[in-house]
Protein backbone atom coordinates (compact mmCIF):
# COMPACT_ATOMS: atom_id res chain seq x y z
CA UNK A 1 -130.52 122.32 6.97
CA UNK A 2 -129.02 124.92 4.63
CA UNK A 3 -129.30 128.65 3.97
CA UNK A 4 -131.45 128.20 0.87
CA UNK A 5 -134.08 126.36 2.91
CA UNK A 6 -134.16 129.21 5.42
CA UNK A 7 -134.41 131.79 2.63
CA UNK A 8 -137.34 129.97 1.00
CA UNK A 9 -139.01 129.66 4.41
CA UNK A 10 -138.69 133.37 5.20
CA UNK A 11 -139.87 134.56 1.79
CA UNK A 12 -142.87 132.22 1.96
CA UNK A 13 -143.73 133.48 5.44
CA UNK A 14 -143.51 137.10 4.32
CA UNK A 15 -145.58 136.53 1.16
CA UNK A 16 -148.20 134.27 2.75
CA UNK A 17 -148.27 132.25 -0.45
CA UNK A 18 -145.97 129.65 -2.01
CA UNK A 19 -146.94 130.89 -5.47
CA UNK A 20 -145.99 134.51 -4.68
CA UNK A 21 -142.81 133.29 -2.96
CA UNK A 22 -141.90 131.36 -6.13
CA UNK A 23 -142.34 134.54 -8.19
CA UNK A 24 -139.96 136.50 -5.94
CA UNK A 25 -137.45 133.66 -5.84
CA UNK A 26 -137.76 133.24 -9.62
CA UNK A 27 -138.51 129.54 -9.40
CA UNK A 28 -141.60 127.33 -9.48
CA UNK A 29 -144.25 126.80 -6.80
CA UNK A 30 -143.61 123.02 -6.68
CA UNK A 31 -139.91 123.69 -6.06
CA UNK A 32 -140.68 126.06 -3.17
CA UNK A 33 -143.11 123.52 -1.72
CA UNK A 34 -140.50 120.76 -2.00
CA UNK A 35 -137.85 122.85 -0.21
CA UNK A 36 -140.28 123.82 2.59
CA UNK A 37 -141.39 120.21 3.11
CA UNK A 38 -137.75 119.12 3.19
CA UNK A 39 -137.05 121.68 5.94
CA UNK A 40 -140.13 120.59 7.86
CA UNK A 41 -138.98 116.98 7.60
CA UNK A 42 -135.54 117.81 8.99
CA UNK A 43 -136.99 119.86 11.87
CA UNK A 44 -139.80 117.43 12.61
CA UNK A 45 -142.44 120.18 12.81
CA UNK A 46 -145.00 121.82 10.52
CA UNK A 47 -143.98 125.39 9.71
CA UNK A 48 -147.17 126.49 7.94
CA UNK A 49 -150.90 126.02 8.04
CA UNK A 50 -151.93 125.45 4.42
CA UNK A 51 -155.35 126.69 3.27
CA UNK A 52 -157.04 127.39 -0.02
CA UNK A 53 -156.28 131.10 0.34
CA UNK A 54 -152.59 130.76 1.22
CA UNK A 55 -150.34 129.85 4.14
CA UNK A 56 -149.87 131.09 7.70
CA UNK A 57 -147.15 130.30 10.20
CA UNK A 58 -147.74 127.72 12.90
CA UNK A 59 -146.68 128.47 16.48
CA UNK A 60 -143.40 126.62 15.88
CA UNK A 61 -143.02 128.45 12.58
CA UNK A 62 -143.29 131.82 14.34
CA UNK A 63 -140.55 130.85 16.78
CA UNK A 64 -138.26 129.47 14.06
CA UNK A 65 -138.68 132.57 11.89
CA UNK A 66 -136.87 134.71 14.48
CA UNK A 67 -133.85 132.40 14.51
CA UNK A 68 -133.88 131.96 10.73
CA UNK A 69 -133.72 135.73 10.21
CA UNK A 70 -130.73 136.01 12.56
CA UNK A 71 -129.02 133.05 10.92
CA UNK A 72 -129.20 134.60 7.46
CA UNK A 73 -128.10 137.97 8.83
CA UNK A 74 -125.09 136.42 10.56
CA UNK A 75 -124.22 134.41 7.45
CA UNK A 76 -124.11 137.65 5.46
CA UNK A 77 -121.82 139.26 8.08
CA UNK A 78 -119.49 136.26 7.99
CA UNK A 79 -119.33 136.49 4.20
CA UNK A 80 -118.46 140.20 4.40
CA UNK A 81 -115.61 139.49 6.84
CA UNK A 82 -114.22 136.74 4.62
CA UNK A 83 -114.36 138.98 1.56
CA UNK A 84 -112.48 141.76 3.36
CA UNK A 85 -109.62 139.41 4.24
CA UNK A 86 -109.45 137.46 0.99
CA UNK A 87 -107.44 138.24 -2.11
CA UNK A 88 -109.12 140.58 -4.54
CA UNK A 89 -111.89 138.76 -6.39
CA UNK A 90 -114.15 139.50 -9.33
CA UNK A 91 -117.02 137.20 -10.28
CA UNK A 92 -118.79 137.84 -13.57
CA UNK A 93 -121.81 136.06 -15.07
CA UNK A 94 -122.58 136.63 -18.77
CA UNK A 95 -124.82 135.54 -21.58
CA UNK A 96 -122.57 133.55 -23.91
CA UNK A 97 -120.22 136.01 -25.64
CA UNK A 98 -116.75 135.51 -27.07
CA UNK A 99 -116.19 139.27 -26.96
CA UNK A 100 -116.67 139.39 -23.20
CA UNK A 101 -114.30 136.44 -22.89
CA UNK A 102 -111.63 138.42 -24.77
CA UNK A 103 -112.27 141.42 -22.54
CA UNK A 104 -111.84 139.28 -19.41
CA UNK A 105 -108.56 137.99 -20.80
CA UNK A 106 -107.30 141.55 -21.36
CA UNK A 107 -108.43 142.60 -17.90
CA UNK A 108 -106.73 139.66 -16.19
CA UNK A 109 -103.45 140.25 -18.04
CA UNK A 110 -103.57 143.90 -16.99
CA UNK A 111 -104.04 142.82 -13.36
CA UNK A 112 -101.19 140.26 -13.40
CA UNK A 113 -99.26 140.26 -10.14
CA UNK A 114 -102.06 142.00 -8.20
CA UNK A 115 -103.47 138.87 -6.48
CA UNK A 116 -106.68 138.95 -8.49
CA UNK A 117 -108.95 135.91 -8.47
CA UNK A 118 -111.32 135.99 -11.45
CA UNK A 119 -114.39 133.81 -11.93
CA UNK A 120 -116.19 133.95 -15.29
CA UNK A 121 -119.42 132.02 -15.90
CA UNK A 122 -121.54 131.84 -19.05
CA UNK A 123 -125.19 131.12 -18.28
CA UNK A 124 -128.79 131.89 -19.13
CA UNK A 125 -130.72 134.79 -17.67
CA UNK A 126 -132.50 132.75 -14.99
CA UNK A 127 -129.24 131.37 -13.62
CA UNK A 128 -127.64 134.84 -13.76
CA UNK A 129 -130.46 136.32 -11.70
CA UNK A 130 -129.96 133.65 -9.05
CA UNK A 131 -126.19 134.16 -8.90
CA UNK A 132 -126.51 137.93 -8.48
CA UNK A 133 -129.41 137.74 -6.00
CA UNK A 134 -127.54 135.24 -3.81
CA UNK A 135 -124.57 137.67 -3.75
CA UNK A 136 -122.33 135.02 -5.25
CA UNK A 137 -121.40 137.19 -8.25
CA UNK A 138 -120.57 140.88 -8.64
CA UNK A 139 -121.70 141.67 -12.18
CA UNK A 140 -124.00 140.13 -14.78
CA UNK A 141 -123.95 141.11 -18.45
CA UNK A 142 -126.82 140.24 -20.76
CA UNK A 143 -128.83 141.17 -23.82
CA UNK A 144 -132.53 142.06 -23.54
CA UNK A 145 -134.86 142.99 -26.45
CA UNK A 146 -135.95 146.59 -25.96
CA UNK A 147 -139.56 145.38 -26.26
CA UNK A 148 -139.03 143.34 -23.07
CA UNK A 149 -136.84 145.78 -21.17
CA UNK A 150 -139.62 147.36 -19.08
CA UNK A 151 -140.98 143.98 -17.97
CA UNK A 152 -137.46 142.72 -17.26
CA UNK A 153 -136.56 145.75 -15.13
CA UNK A 154 -139.79 145.36 -13.15
CA UNK A 155 -138.90 141.73 -12.47
CA UNK A 156 -135.35 142.45 -11.29
CA UNK A 157 -136.49 145.31 -9.02
CA UNK A 158 -138.83 142.89 -7.27
CA UNK A 159 -135.78 140.74 -6.54
CA UNK A 160 -133.77 143.69 -5.18
CA UNK A 161 -131.56 144.00 -8.24
CA UNK A 162 -130.88 146.68 -10.82
CA UNK A 163 -130.44 146.53 -14.59
CA UNK A 164 -128.39 149.35 -16.13
CA UNK A 165 -128.33 149.69 -19.89
CA UNK A 166 -124.86 150.26 -21.29
CA UNK A 167 -125.76 150.35 -24.97
CA UNK A 168 -128.76 150.07 -27.30
CA UNK A 169 -127.44 147.79 -30.01
CA UNK A 170 -128.72 146.64 -33.40
CA UNK A 171 -130.06 143.31 -34.54
CA UNK A 172 -127.40 141.95 -36.87
CA UNK A 173 -126.34 138.91 -38.87
CA UNK A 174 -122.97 137.34 -38.09
CA UNK A 175 -121.64 135.42 -41.08
CA UNK A 176 -118.43 133.80 -42.31
CA UNK A 177 -116.77 133.69 -45.75
CA UNK A 178 -119.07 130.90 -47.00
CA UNK A 179 -122.30 132.77 -46.21
CA UNK A 180 -124.14 134.85 -48.84
CA UNK A 181 -124.36 137.67 -46.27
CA UNK A 182 -120.58 137.92 -45.74
CA UNK A 183 -119.29 141.51 -45.86
CA UNK A 184 -122.71 143.01 -46.60
CA UNK A 185 -123.03 146.04 -44.27
CA UNK A 186 -126.85 146.22 -44.46
CA UNK A 187 -129.45 143.60 -45.32
CA UNK A 188 -133.25 143.62 -45.50
CA UNK A 189 -135.33 141.51 -43.10
CA UNK A 190 -136.83 139.74 -46.12
CA UNK A 191 -133.35 138.55 -47.12
CA UNK A 192 -133.35 136.25 -44.10
CA UNK A 193 -136.28 134.20 -45.39
CA UNK A 194 -135.32 130.51 -45.29
CA UNK A 195 -131.71 131.29 -44.38
CA UNK A 196 -130.00 128.60 -42.30
CA UNK A 197 -128.84 129.74 -38.86
CA UNK A 198 -127.06 128.55 -35.77
CA UNK A 199 -128.71 130.17 -32.76
CA UNK A 200 -128.12 130.23 -29.04
CA UNK A 201 -130.84 128.59 -26.98
CA UNK A 202 -133.67 131.11 -26.54
CA UNK A 203 -133.62 133.17 -23.38
CA UNK A 204 -134.77 136.75 -22.83
CA UNK A 205 -132.92 137.52 -26.04
CA UNK A 206 -135.18 135.89 -28.65
CA UNK A 207 -134.74 136.52 -32.35
CA UNK A 208 -138.33 135.41 -32.95
CA UNK A 209 -139.66 138.08 -30.58
CA UNK A 210 -137.72 140.81 -32.33
CA UNK A 211 -138.47 139.78 -35.90
CA UNK A 212 -142.18 139.42 -35.07
CA UNK A 213 -142.36 143.23 -35.27
CA UNK A 214 -141.78 142.97 -39.03
CA UNK A 215 -144.87 142.37 -41.16
CA UNK A 216 -143.34 139.59 -43.25
CA UNK A 217 -142.51 137.52 -40.16
CA UNK A 218 -145.71 138.39 -38.31
CA UNK A 219 -147.80 137.03 -41.19
CA UNK A 220 -145.63 133.93 -41.58
CA UNK A 221 -144.43 134.80 -45.07
CA UNK A 222 -140.82 134.73 -43.89
CA UNK A 223 -139.06 132.52 -41.40
CA UNK A 224 -135.57 131.64 -40.23
CA UNK A 225 -134.44 128.02 -40.36
CA UNK A 226 -132.71 127.30 -37.05
CA UNK A 227 -130.56 124.39 -38.17
CA UNK A 228 -128.53 124.26 -34.94
CA UNK A 229 -129.45 125.40 -31.43
CA UNK A 230 -126.65 125.49 -28.88
CA UNK A 231 -125.43 126.99 -25.63
CA UNK A 232 -121.82 126.78 -26.83
CA UNK A 233 -120.23 129.98 -28.09
CA UNK A 234 -117.22 127.95 -29.22
CA UNK A 235 -119.39 125.79 -31.51
CA UNK A 236 -121.06 128.95 -32.81
CA UNK A 237 -117.72 130.45 -33.88
CA UNK A 238 -116.51 127.23 -35.48
CA UNK A 239 -119.68 126.86 -37.55
CA UNK A 240 -119.64 130.49 -38.69
CA UNK A 241 -116.03 130.16 -39.83
CA UNK A 242 -116.38 126.81 -41.60
CA UNK A 243 -119.97 126.62 -42.95
CA UNK A 244 -122.52 128.78 -44.73
CA UNK A 245 -124.61 129.06 -41.54
CA UNK A 246 -125.15 132.53 -40.12
CA UNK A 247 -126.29 133.79 -36.73
CA UNK A 248 -128.86 136.47 -35.96
CA UNK A 249 -127.88 138.31 -32.80
CA UNK A 250 -126.38 141.52 -31.48
CA UNK A 251 -123.02 143.13 -30.84
CA UNK A 252 -121.51 145.76 -28.61
CA UNK A 253 -117.72 145.77 -28.64
CA UNK A 254 -115.38 147.84 -30.78
CA UNK A 255 -113.33 145.79 -33.30
CA UNK A 256 -115.93 143.03 -33.05
CA UNK A 257 -115.25 140.15 -35.46
CA UNK A 258 -111.48 140.58 -35.85
CA UNK A 259 -110.59 137.46 -33.91
CA UNK A 260 -113.43 135.32 -35.25
CA UNK A 261 -113.08 136.20 -38.94
CA UNK A 262 -116.75 136.82 -39.55
CA UNK A 263 -118.59 139.92 -40.72
CA UNK A 264 -121.47 141.84 -39.18
CA UNK A 265 -124.47 142.95 -41.24
CA UNK A 266 -127.07 145.25 -39.70
CA UNK A 267 -130.70 144.23 -40.37
CA UNK A 268 -132.42 147.33 -41.74
CA UNK A 269 -135.20 148.63 -39.49
CA UNK A 270 -133.89 146.85 -36.40
CA UNK A 271 -131.32 149.39 -35.28
CA UNK A 272 -131.29 149.97 -31.51
CA UNK A 273 -133.61 147.02 -30.85
CA UNK A 274 -131.37 145.19 -28.35
CA UNK A 275 -130.39 146.46 -24.91
CA UNK A 276 -126.98 145.38 -23.62
CA UNK A 277 -126.52 146.06 -19.94
CA UNK A 278 -125.28 145.15 -16.49
CA UNK A 279 -127.14 143.38 -13.69
CA UNK A 280 -126.17 144.15 -10.07
CA UNK A 281 -127.57 143.81 -6.58
CA UNK A 282 -129.44 146.99 -5.63
CA UNK A 283 -127.60 149.21 -3.18
CA UNK A 284 -124.46 147.08 -3.16
CA UNK A 285 -121.22 149.04 -3.29
CA UNK A 286 -119.14 147.64 -6.11
CA UNK A 287 -115.57 146.60 -5.41
CA UNK A 288 -112.64 148.43 -6.98
CA UNK A 289 -112.15 145.39 -9.25
CA UNK A 290 -115.75 145.49 -10.50
CA UNK A 291 -115.55 149.25 -11.11
CA UNK A 292 -112.29 148.83 -13.04
CA UNK A 293 -113.78 146.09 -15.22
CA UNK A 294 -116.86 148.20 -16.00
CA UNK A 295 -114.67 151.17 -16.91
CA UNK A 296 -112.61 149.00 -19.28
CA UNK A 297 -115.76 147.60 -20.88
CA UNK A 298 -117.25 151.03 -21.50
CA UNK A 299 -114.11 152.09 -23.35
CA UNK A 300 -114.63 149.22 -25.80
CA UNK A 301 -118.30 149.68 -26.67
CA UNK A 302 -119.62 151.11 -29.91
CA UNK A 303 -120.69 154.73 -29.47
């Protein structure tokens, strides 16, 4: 038996539906069902009556719910005690970004000798939501198309989290010396037709979703050739520096591009189309380390 099983059990009991529980837990209904059946197998009892209209607790399920709630509450208290007595820690989850990696490096060097333990994880949005919701990480940084921001904020509120926009950024093209877009400050959306790109694996930040607002892409007259898809920011930088491939994405940090030796070209008509922000657990008081990191980040953003 583990804490995740108890969490899935309690959410399912509260929702009265495995499907609605899956929505709150941001996973699939079959996964919730599998976890519940695994718990039932370990306990040797049925926890729910399953009907066509949903689920209800069995008599044993009602009794177990009381102890499960106390177990999760006590686990949270134990975690709080451990955090109070541990060295200072900061755990950050981010959409893949070399700029945030540089910022973490600067922050760590500034904290040298202060017993800081730093954990930095690059991941997709779904994994980031899980890490923040489970209270394993302090801060999550991600990019969300402004067209999806309202739906995204509704989703995170349902999971007891908050999304705070730090900056409304532009849709841009990152390109190296071998690209025809190199050092062009502004390009037209039509100029991207048939261009060869290296793109991060699609998440909430989807180039296709953003460009679909432009008539040429909506009608299919223009398209981007995604030659390489990757979840590796390191590969992205290498390919931009050494090939004619470009990347359509966003940016947020002052002096962006200095270290990587690529240029940034704003796509005309797509200014302010990408929201860069921070994901946190609702109502959670941020540690001094998290507040210091956020303050440092905000000093580096484009204004």
